[in-house]
């Protein structure tokens, strides 16, 4: 099992974001995760909130081995061509440590207040699949052309290519069985979803069936979930075992109310070696 740490970047001063990333790496987490929002999602008042991709770019300079990602990057915030160019830059700055997560976006309050258009759900999901075609194509192909309903590119090339070959791993955060899991089956290297092990085991089974119907080997889609570090270590270990039994290989650990001491206790008890 691989473990990432969500450093809970909202409402933190910059120095604490950096310190948490270094802390995660020193403890042996394989990933550091932030979020892709421009405003905090909880608490009163505006609060500190740094933009996600530029946060990752900055963290490439203060970490050495840990992989970097956001849960998850919102499609509505950037044109997919811009998003692909940003991803290539972060991938090079980090020496090939980027996990490229992507989702259709959802935070209506933020969109409304900042004047960012949030299409209706059906349109947003259609646009998201167009965006995935564009991003993957630009990461891997010269003179790439794609004509979609919402996003199109013509004879487009982005250089340099990513450090990671054949491409930066694309994570898709999704749970909807009618539209989003079929998109995962077509496009994702890694599928991430929130929920308890029993719930996600069933979702994973559904994803297997969808992938087979689309002539894709389900084993080529890595499974990732999120793990709460609240509660006692025995219950946390049971959850880890249940996720492993369900075929999940990566767990993003939420930053706990107990802070660093709780994270240290978890790492000491649950990391192998």
C-alpha atoms as a PDB file:
ATOM      1  CA  UNK A   1       0.000   0.000   0.000  1.00  0.00           C
ATOM      2  CA  UNK A   2       1.202   3.503  -0.842  1.00  0.00           C
ATOM      3  CA  UNK A   3       0.197   6.440   1.342  1.00  0.00           C
ATOM      4  CA  UNK A   4      -0.158  10.108   0.539  1.00  0.00           C
ATOM      5  CA  UNK A   5      -0.804  12.885   3.030  1.00  0.00           C
ATOM      6  CA  UNK A   6      -3.392  15.588   2.418  1.00  0.00           C
ATOM      7  CA  UNK A   7      -1.718  18.654   3.892  1.00  0.00           C
ATOM      8  CA  UNK A   8      -5.059  20.512   4.156  1.00  0.00           C
ATOM      9  CA  UNK A   9      -3.676  23.654   2.552  1.00  0.00           C
ATOM     10  CA  UNK A  10      -6.658  25.947   3.155  1.00  0.00           C
ATOM     11  CA  UNK A  11      -6.498  28.504   5.969  1.00  0.00           C
ATOM     12  CA  UNK A  12      -2.763  27.976   6.419  1.00  0.00           C
ATOM     13  CA  UNK A  13       0.103  30.436   6.093  1.00  0.00           C
ATOM     14  CA  UNK A  14       2.565  29.579   3.355  1.00  0.00           C
ATOM     15  CA  UNK A  15       5.267  28.546   5.824  1.00  0.00           C
ATOM     16  CA  UNK A  16       2.986  25.866   7.277  1.00  0.00           C
ATOM     17  CA  UNK A  17       2.176  24.429   3.841  1.00  0.00           C
ATOM     18  CA  UNK A  18       5.890  24.073   3.145  1.00  0.00           C
ATOM     19  CA  UNK A  19       6.565  22.593   6.580  1.00  0.00           C
ATOM     20  CA  UNK A  20       3.779  20.020   6.187  1.00  0.00           C
ATOM     21  CA  UNK A  21       5.101  18.916   2.790  1.00  0.00           C
ATOM     22  CA  UNK A  22       8.602  18.451   4.207  1.00  0.00           C
ATOM     23  CA  UNK A  23       7.150  16.693   7.251  1.00  0.00           C
ATOM     24  CA  UNK A  24       5.246  14.202   5.061  1.00  0.00           C
ATOM     25  CA  UNK A  25       8.323  13.427   3.013  1.00  0.00           C
ATOM     26  CA  UNK A  26      10.496  12.930   6.098  1.00  0.00           C
ATOM     27  CA  UNK A  27       7.989  10.460   7.576  1.00  0.00           C
ATOM     28  CA  UNK A  28       7.988   8.332   4.425  1.00  0.00           C
ATOM     29  CA  UNK A  29       4.703   9.261   2.762  1.00  0.00           C
ATOM     30  CA  UNK A  30       4.967   8.684  -0.992  1.00  0.00           C
ATOM     31  CA  UNK A  31       2.670  11.592  -1.892  1.00  0.00           C
ATOM     32  CA  UNK A  32       1.729  15.097  -0.759  1.00  0.00           C
ATOM     33  CA  UNK A  33      -1.732  16.301  -1.728  1.00  0.00           C
ATOM     34  CA  UNK A  34      -3.372  19.716  -1.765  1.00  0.00           C
ATOM     35  CA  UNK A  35      -6.662  20.902  -3.204  1.00  0.00           C
ATOM     36  CA  UNK A  36      -7.684  22.973  -6.203  1.00  0.00           C
ATOM     37  CA  UNK A  37      -9.787  25.836  -4.885  1.00  0.00           C
ATOM     38  CA  UNK A  38      -9.322  29.568  -4.634  1.00  0.00           C
ATOM     39  CA  UNK A  39     -11.352  30.000  -1.445  1.00  0.00           C
ATOM     40  CA  UNK A  40     -11.599  27.899   1.732  1.00  0.00           C
ATOM     41  CA  UNK A  41     -14.502  25.480   1.749  1.00  0.00           C
ATOM     42  CA  UNK A  42     -15.179  25.763   5.481  1.00  0.00           C
ATOM     43  CA  UNK A  43     -14.841  28.259   8.327  1.00  0.00           C
ATOM     44  CA  UNK A  44     -15.777  31.915   8.577  1.00  0.00           C
ATOM     45  CA  UNK A  45     -14.352  34.772   6.564  1.00  0.00           C
ATOM     46  CA  UNK A  46     -12.150  34.680   3.490  1.00  0.00           C
ATOM     47  CA  UNK A  47      -9.099  32.987   5.022  1.00  0.00           C
ATOM     48  CA  UNK A  48      -5.790  32.050   3.406  1.00  0.00           C
ATOM     49  CA  UNK A  49      -6.064  29.925   0.292  1.00  0.00           C
ATOM     50  CA  UNK A  50      -3.243  29.509  -2.231  1.00  0.00           C
ATOM     51  CA  UNK A  51      -3.838  28.407  -5.819  1.00  0.00           C
ATOM     52  CA  UNK A  52      -3.228  24.707  -6.358  1.00  0.00           C
ATOM     53  CA  UNK A  53      -0.949  24.319  -9.364  1.00  0.00           C
ATOM     54  CA  UNK A  54       1.387  27.134  -8.372  1.00  0.00           C
ATOM     55  CA  UNK A  55       1.512  25.602  -4.887  1.00  0.00           C
ATOM     56  CA  UNK A  56       2.655  22.313  -6.405  1.00  0.00           C
ATOM     57  CA  UNK A  57       5.225  24.124  -8.534  1.00  0.00           C
ATOM     58  CA  UNK A  58       6.649  25.796  -5.437  1.00  0.00           C
ATOM     59  CA  UNK A  59       6.717  22.523  -3.495  1.00  0.00           C
ATOM     60  CA  UNK A  60       8.915  20.959  -6.169  1.00  0.00           C
ATOM     61  CA  UNK A  61      11.718  23.171  -4.859  1.00  0.00           C
ATOM     62  CA  UNK A  62      11.432  22.166  -1.199  1.00  0.00           C
ATOM     63  CA  UNK A  63      10.895  18.399  -1.625  1.00  0.00           C
ATOM     64  CA  UNK A  64      13.052  15.766  -3.274  1.00  0.00           C
ATOM     65  CA  UNK A  65      11.250  12.432  -3.563  1.00  0.00           C
ATOM     66  CA  UNK A  66       7.615  12.746  -2.587  1.00  0.00           C
ATOM     67  CA  UNK A  67       5.073  12.813  -5.407  1.00  0.00           C
ATOM     68  CA  UNK A  68       2.777  15.833  -5.705  1.00  0.00           C
ATOM     69  CA  UNK A  69      -0.882  16.174  -6.575  1.00  0.00           C
ATOM     70  CA  UNK A  70      -4.232  17.887  -5.987  1.00  0.00           C
ATOM     71  CA  UNK A  71      -7.516  16.235  -5.072  1.00  0.00           C
ATOM     72  CA  UNK A  72      -8.700  17.102  -7.622  1.00  0.00           C
ATOM     73  CA  UNK A  73      -7.992  19.737 -10.267  1.00  0.00           C
ATOM     74  CA  UNK A  74     -11.219  21.325 -11.484  1.00  0.00           C
ATOM     75  CA  UNK A  75     -11.810  21.259 -15.241  1.00  0.00           C
ATOM     76  CA  UNK A  76     -13.750  24.537 -15.175  1.00  0.00           C
ATOM     77  CA  UNK A  77     -10.832  26.570 -13.793  1.00  0.00           C
ATOM     78  CA  UNK A  78      -8.466  26.318 -16.767  1.00  0.00           C
ATOM     79  CA  UNK A  79      -8.665  25.577 -20.454  1.00  0.00           C
ATOM     80  CA  UNK A  80      -7.353  22.004 -20.861  1.00  0.00           C
ATOM     81  CA  UNK A  81      -4.515  23.181 -23.112  1.00  0.00           C
ATOM     82  CA  UNK A  82      -3.343  25.546 -20.364  1.00  0.00           C
ATOM     83  CA  UNK A  83      -3.759  22.780 -17.792  1.00  0.00           C
ATOM     84  CA  UNK A  84      -1.601  20.422 -19.881  1.00  0.00           C
ATOM     85  CA  UNK A  85       1.127  23.064 -20.215  1.00  0.00           C
ATOM     86  CA  UNK A  86       1.087  23.690 -16.463  1.00  0.00           C
ATOM     87  CA  UNK A  87       1.311  19.957 -15.812  1.00  0.00           C
ATOM     88  CA  UNK A  88       4.350  19.573 -18.063  1.00  0.00           C
ATOM     89  CA  UNK A  89       6.062  22.450 -16.260  1.00  0.00           C
ATOM     90  CA  UNK A  90       5.413  20.964 -12.798  1.00  0.00           C
ATOM     91  CA  UNK A  91       6.490  17.538 -14.005  1.00  0.00           C
ATOM     92  CA  UNK A  92       9.845  18.919 -15.177  1.00  0.00           C
ATOM     93  CA  UNK A  93      10.333  21.093 -12.095  1.00  0.00           C
ATOM     94  CA  UNK A  94       9.782  18.052  -9.884  1.00  0.00           C
ATOM     95  CA  UNK A  95      11.871  15.644 -11.921  1.00  0.00           C
ATOM     96  CA  UNK A  96       8.826  13.578 -12.834  1.00  0.00           C
ATOM     97  CA  UNK A  97       6.895  13.550  -9.538  1.00  0.00           C
ATOM     98  CA  UNK A  98       3.492  14.909 -10.609  1.00  0.00           C
ATOM     99  CA  UNK A  99       0.218  13.027 -10.263  1.00  0.00           C
ATOM    100  CA  UNK A 100      -2.224  14.749 -12.623  1.00  0.00           C
ATOM    101  CA  UNK A 101      -5.631  14.551 -10.983  1.00  0.00           C
ATOM    102  CA  UNK A 102      -8.727  15.803 -12.776  1.00  0.00           C
ATOM    103  CA  UNK A 103     -12.408  16.208 -12.082  1.00  0.00           C
ATOM    104  CA  UNK A 104     -15.428  18.012 -13.488  1.00  0.00           C
ATOM    105  CA  UNK A 105     -15.536  20.568 -10.593  1.00  0.00           C
ATOM    106  CA  UNK A 106     -18.485  21.253  -8.314  1.00  0.00           C
ATOM    107  CA  UNK A 107     -18.010  24.129  -5.805  1.00  0.00           C
ATOM    108  CA  UNK A 108     -20.831  26.425  -6.899  1.00  0.00           C
ATOM    109  CA  UNK A 109     -20.251  29.175  -4.321  1.00  0.00           C
ATOM    110  CA  UNK A 110     -16.682  29.680  -5.493  1.00  0.00           C
ATOM    111  CA  UNK A 111     -17.676  29.791  -9.156  1.00  0.00           C
ATOM    112  CA  UNK A 112     -20.459  32.291  -8.508  1.00  0.00           C
ATOM    113  CA  UNK A 113     -18.415  34.656  -6.366  1.00  0.00           C
ATOM    114  CA  UNK A 114     -15.360  34.629  -8.640  1.00  0.00           C
ATOM    115  CA  UNK A 115     -17.304  34.839 -11.879  1.00  0.00           C
ATOM    116  CA  UNK A 116     -16.226  31.421 -13.158  1.00  0.00           C
ATOM    117  CA  UNK A 117     -18.884  29.701 -15.230  1.00  0.00           C
ATOM    118  CA  UNK A 118     -20.128  26.411 -13.801  1.00  0.00           C
ATOM    119  CA  UNK A 119     -22.140  24.654 -16.515  1.00  0.00           C
ATOM    120  CA  UNK A 120     -25.053  22.385 -15.709  1.00  0.00           C
ATOM    121  CA  UNK A 121     -23.991  18.862 -14.773  1.00  0.00           C
ATOM    122  CA  UNK A 122     -24.619  17.175 -18.129  1.00  0.00           C
ATOM    123  CA  UNK A 123     -22.762  19.874 -20.051  1.00  0.00           C
ATOM    124  CA  UNK A 124     -19.963  19.837 -17.504  1.00  0.00           C
ATOM    125  CA  UNK A 125     -19.444  16.091 -17.806  1.00  0.00           C
ATOM    126  CA  UNK A 126     -19.490  16.287 -21.606  1.00  0.00           C
ATOM    127  CA  UNK A 127     -16.898  19.061 -21.458  1.00  0.00           C
ATOM    128  CA  UNK A 128     -14.825  17.052 -18.992  1.00  0.00           C
ATOM    129  CA  UNK A 129     -14.472  14.166 -21.430  1.00  0.00           C
ATOM    130  CA  UNK A 130     -13.474  16.585 -24.182  1.00  0.00           C
ATOM    131  CA  UNK A 131     -10.893  18.041 -21.799  1.00  0.00           C
ATOM    132  CA  UNK A 132      -9.453  14.606 -21.051  1.00  0.00           C
ATOM    133  CA  UNK A 133      -8.956  13.958 -24.766  1.00  0.00           C
ATOM    134  CA  UNK A 134      -7.161  17.289 -25.120  1.00  0.00           C
ATOM    135  CA  UNK A 135      -4.931  16.863 -22.077  1.00  0.00           C
ATOM    136  CA  UNK A 136      -3.856  13.317 -22.910  1.00  0.00           C
ATOM    137  CA  UNK A 137      -3.269  14.214 -26.533  1.00  0.00           C
ATOM    138  CA  UNK A 138      -1.129  17.228 -25.739  1.00  0.00           C
ATOM    139  CA  UNK A 139       0.954  15.289 -23.211  1.00  0.00           C
ATOM    140  CA  UNK A 140       1.763  12.534 -25.683  1.00  0.00           C
ATOM    141  CA  UNK A 141       1.360  13.648 -29.308  1.00  0.00           C
ATOM    142  CA  UNK A 142       2.815  16.229 -31.673  1.00  0.00           C
ATOM    143  CA  UNK A 143       0.517  17.981 -34.138  1.00  0.00           C
ATOM    144  CA  UNK A 144      -2.486  16.804 -32.161  1.00  0.00           C
ATOM    145  CA  UNK A 145      -5.966  17.556 -33.440  1.00  0.00           C
ATOM    146  CA  UNK A 146      -9.176  16.932 -31.567  1.00  0.00           C
ATOM    147  CA  UNK A 147     -12.589  18.348 -32.382  1.00  0.00           C
ATOM    148  CA  UNK A 148     -14.984  18.231 -29.475  1.00  0.00           C
ATOM    149  CA  UNK A 149     -18.240  19.946 -28.688  1.00  0.00           C
ATOM    150  CA  UNK A 150     -16.717  22.011 -25.874  1.00  0.00           C
ATOM    151  CA  UNK A 151     -12.938  21.941 -26.435  1.00  0.00           C
ATOM    152  CA  UNK A 152     -10.963  21.541 -29.639  1.00  0.00           C
ATOM    153  CA  UNK A 153      -7.312  21.827 -30.661  1.00  0.00           C
ATOM    154  CA  UNK A 154      -5.801  21.900 -34.130  1.00  0.00           C
ATOM    155  CA  UNK A 155      -2.353  20.628 -35.144  1.00  0.00           C
ATOM    156  CA  UNK A 156      -1.189  21.399 -31.588  1.00  0.00           C
ATOM    157  CA  UNK A 157       2.165  20.558 -30.018  1.00  0.00           C
ATOM    158  CA  UNK A 158       3.439  21.224 -26.501  1.00  0.00           C
ATOM    159  CA  UNK A 159       7.146  20.841 -25.817  1.00  0.00           C
ATOM    160  CA  UNK A 160       8.995  19.594 -23.918  1.00  0.00           C
ATOM    161  CA  UNK A 161       7.293  16.274 -23.422  1.00  0.00           C
ATOM    162  CA  UNK A 162       6.763  15.264 -19.788  1.00  0.00           C
ATOM    163  CA  UNK A 163       9.603  13.670 -17.865  1.00  0.00           C
ATOM    164  CA  UNK A 164       7.287  10.741 -17.127  1.00  0.00           C
ATOM    165  CA  UNK A 165       6.776   8.521 -20.121  1.00  0.00           C
ATOM    166  CA  UNK A 166       4.617   7.541 -21.851  1.00  0.00           C
ATOM    167  CA  UNK A 167       2.626  10.182 -19.932  1.00  0.00           C
ATOM    168  CA  UNK A 168       2.007  11.791 -16.572  1.00  0.00           C
ATOM    169  CA  UNK A 169      -0.409   9.515 -14.656  1.00  0.00           C
ATOM    170  CA  UNK A 170      -3.953  10.850 -14.957  1.00  0.00           C
ATOM    171  CA  UNK A 171      -6.149  10.435 -11.886  1.00  0.00           C
ATOM    172  CA  UNK A 172      -9.900  10.888 -12.193  1.00  0.00           C
ATOM    173  CA  UNK A 173     -12.020  11.529  -9.140  1.00  0.00           C
ATOM    174  CA  UNK A 174     -15.498  10.116  -9.719  1.00  0.00           C
ATOM    175  CA  UNK A 175     -18.334   8.057  -8.280  1.00  0.00           C
ATOM    176  CA  UNK A 176     -21.301   8.354 -10.668  1.00  0.00           C
ATOM    177  CA  UNK A 177     -22.021   5.050 -12.366  1.00  0.00           C
ATOM    178  CA  UNK A 178     -23.977   6.360 -15.356  1.00  0.00           C
ATOM    179  CA  UNK A 179     -21.536   8.913 -16.737  1.00  0.00           C
ATOM    180  CA  UNK A 180     -18.374   9.318 -14.693  1.00  0.00           C
ATOM    181  CA  UNK A 181     -17.241   5.730 -14.133  1.00  0.00           C
ATOM    182  CA  UNK A 182     -17.453   5.024 -17.886  1.00  0.00           C
ATOM    183  CA  UNK A 183     -15.195   8.060 -18.380  1.00  0.00           C
ATOM    184  CA  UNK A 184     -12.818   6.617 -15.777  1.00  0.00           C
ATOM    185  CA  UNK A 185     -12.808   3.324 -17.666  1.00  0.00           C
ATOM    186  CA  UNK A 186     -11.895   5.091 -20.909  1.00  0.00           C
ATOM    187  CA  UNK A 187      -9.320   7.585 -19.671  1.00  0.00           C
ATOM    188  CA  UNK A 188      -7.950   7.056 -16.151  1.00  0.00           C
ATOM    189  CA  UNK A 189      -4.636   5.622 -15.078  1.00  0.00           C
ATOM    190  CA  UNK A 190      -5.819   5.953 -11.478  1.00  0.00           C
ATOM    191  CA  UNK A 191      -9.355   6.155 -10.108  1.00  0.00           C
ATOM    192  CA  UNK A 192      -9.920   7.956  -6.804  1.00  0.00           C
ATOM    193  CA  UNK A 193     -13.124   8.034  -4.799  1.00  0.00           C
ATOM    194  CA  UNK A 194     -14.195   8.940  -1.273  1.00  0.00           C
ATOM    195  CA  UNK A 195     -16.085   6.511   0.932  1.00  0.00           C
ATOM    196  CA  UNK A 196     -15.765   3.552   3.315  1.00  0.00           C
ATOM    197  CA  UNK A 197     -14.217   0.295   2.094  1.00  0.00           C
ATOM    198  CA  UNK A 198     -17.487  -1.625   1.630  1.00  0.00           C
ATOM    199  CA  UNK A 199     -19.006   1.180  -0.455  1.00  0.00           C
ATOM    200  CA  UNK A 200     -15.889   1.561  -2.595  1.00  0.00           C
ATOM    201  CA  UNK A 201     -15.481  -2.190  -3.067  1.00  0.00           C
ATOM    202  CA  UNK A 202     -18.874  -2.205  -4.775  1.00  0.00           C
ATOM    203  CA  UNK A 203     -18.004   0.869  -6.855  1.00  0.00           C
ATOM    204  CA  UNK A 204     -14.766  -0.840  -7.869  1.00  0.00           C
ATOM    205  CA  UNK A 205     -16.679  -3.931  -8.948  1.00  0.00           C
ATOM    206  CA  UNK A 206     -18.937  -1.774 -11.104  1.00  0.00           C
ATOM    207  CA  UNK A 207     -15.897  -0.072 -12.632  1.00  0.00           C
ATOM    208  CA  UNK A 208     -14.460  -3.509 -13.506  1.00  0.00           C
ATOM    209  CA  UNK A 209     -17.646  -4.423 -15.351  1.00  0.00           C
ATOM    210  CA  UNK A 210     -17.724  -1.129 -17.239  1.00  0.00           C
ATOM    211  CA  UNK A 211     -14.072  -1.432 -18.226  1.00  0.00           C
ATOM    212  CA  UNK A 212     -14.597  -4.948 -19.576  1.00  0.00           C
ATOM    213  CA  UNK A 213     -17.554  -3.770 -21.650  1.00  0.00           C
ATOM    214  CA  UNK A 214     -15.239  -1.142 -23.126  1.00  0.00           C
ATOM    215  CA  UNK A 215     -12.543  -3.758 -23.880  1.00  0.00           C
ATOM    216  CA  UNK A 216     -10.159  -2.450 -21.238  1.00  0.00           C
ATOM    217  CA  UNK A 217      -8.396  -4.640 -18.709  1.00  0.00           C
ATOM    218  CA  UNK A 218      -9.632  -3.416 -15.290  1.00  0.00           C
ATOM    219  CA  UNK A 219      -6.244  -4.247 -13.800  1.00  0.00           C
ATOM    220  CA  UNK A 220      -4.726  -1.344 -15.757  1.00  0.00           C
ATOM    221  CA  UNK A 221      -6.727   1.135 -13.642  1.00  0.00           C
ATOM    222  CA  UNK A 222      -5.092   1.699 -10.270  1.00  0.00           C
ATOM    223  CA  UNK A 223      -7.498   2.211  -7.349  1.00  0.00           C
ATOM    224  CA  UNK A 224      -7.066   4.975  -4.751  1.00  0.00           C
ATOM    225  CA  UNK A 225      -9.189   6.068  -1.803  1.00  0.00           C
ATOM    226  CA  UNK A 226      -8.973   8.380   1.199  1.00  0.00           C
ATOM    227  CA  UNK A 227      -8.263   7.282   4.748  1.00  0.00           C
ATOM    228  CA  UNK A 228      -9.247   9.094   7.929  1.00  0.00           C
ATOM    229  CA  UNK A 229      -6.587   9.127  10.635  1.00  0.00           C
ATOM    230  CA  UNK A 230      -9.180   9.806  13.326  1.00  0.00           C
ATOM    231  CA  UNK A 231      -9.895   6.966  15.711  1.00  0.00           C
ATOM    232  CA  UNK A 232      -7.615   4.322  17.183  1.00  0.00           C
ATOM    233  CA  UNK A 233      -4.868   2.568  15.288  1.00  0.00           C
ATOM    234  CA  UNK A 234      -6.638  -0.799  15.343  1.00  0.00           C
ATOM    235  CA  UNK A 235      -9.661   0.610  13.505  1.00  0.00           C
ATOM    236  CA  UNK A 236      -7.375   2.385  11.035  1.00  0.00           C
ATOM    237  CA  UNK A 237      -5.505  -0.868  10.368  1.00  0.00           C
ATOM    238  CA  UNK A 238      -8.805  -2.676   9.792  1.00  0.00           C
ATOM    239  CA  UNK A 239      -9.819  -0.037   7.269  1.00  0.00           C
ATOM    240  CA  UNK A 240      -6.460  -0.369   5.487  1.00  0.00           C
ATOM    241  CA  UNK A 241      -6.874  -4.150   5.306  1.00  0.00           C
ATOM    242  CA  UNK A 242     -10.401  -3.777   3.936  1.00  0.00           C
ATOM    243  CA  UNK A 243      -9.224  -1.354   1.254  1.00  0.00           C
ATOM    244  CA  UNK A 244      -6.395  -3.718   0.316  1.00  0.00           C
ATOM    245  CA  UNK A 245      -8.814  -6.655   0.097  1.00  0.00           C
ATOM    246  CA  UNK A 246     -10.961  -4.569  -2.270  1.00  0.00           C
ATOM    247  CA  UNK A 247      -7.979  -3.988  -4.576  1.00  0.00           C
ATOM    248  CA  UNK A 248      -7.052  -0.458  -3.532  1.00  0.00           C
ATOM    249  CA  UNK A 249      -3.332   0.299  -3.710  1.00  0.00           C
ATOM    250  CA  UNK A 250      -3.107   3.942  -2.634  1.00  0.00           C
ATOM    251  CA  UNK A 251      -4.635   5.794   0.319  1.00  0.00           C
ATOM    252  CA  UNK A 252      -4.629   9.563   0.757  1.00  0.00           C
ATOM    253  CA  UNK A 253      -4.571  10.215   4.493  1.00  0.00           C
ATOM    254  CA  UNK A 254      -6.566  13.186   5.687  1.00  0.00           C
ATOM    255  CA  UNK A 255      -4.845  15.694   7.961  1.00  0.00           C
ATOM    256  CA  UNK A 256      -6.241  14.771  11.409  1.00  0.00           C
ATOM    257  CA  UNK A 257      -7.505  17.085  14.158  1.00  0.00           C
ATOM    258  CA  UNK A 258      -4.687  15.769  16.314  1.00  0.00           C
ATOM    259  CA  UNK A 259      -2.151  17.244  13.936  1.00  0.00           C
ATOM    260  CA  UNK A 260       1.454  16.171  13.585  1.00  0.00           C
ATOM    261  CA  UNK A 261       1.595  13.858  16.567  1.00  0.00           C
ATOM    262  CA  UNK A 262      -1.286  11.777  15.165  1.00  0.00           C
ATOM    263  CA  UNK A 263       0.353  11.625  11.741  1.00  0.00           C
ATOM    264  CA  UNK A 264       3.660  10.553  13.307  1.00  0.00           C
ATOM    265  CA  UNK A 265       1.928   7.841  15.342  1.00  0.00           C
ATOM    266  CA  UNK A 266       0.198   6.516  12.237  1.00  0.00           C
ATOM    267  CA  UNK A 267       3.394   6.457  10.177  1.00  0.00           C
ATOM    268  CA  UNK A 268       5.356   4.694  12.901  1.00  0.00           C
ATOM    269  CA  UNK A 269       2.675   2.026  13.317  1.00  0.00           C
ATOM    270  CA  UNK A 270       1.541   1.439   9.754  1.00  0.00           C
ATOM    271  CA  UNK A 271       4.452   2.040   7.378  1.00  0.00           C
ATOM    272  CA  UNK A 272       6.419  -1.053   6.515  1.00  0.00           C
ATOM    273  CA  UNK A 273      10.130  -1.002   7.236  1.00  0.00           C
END
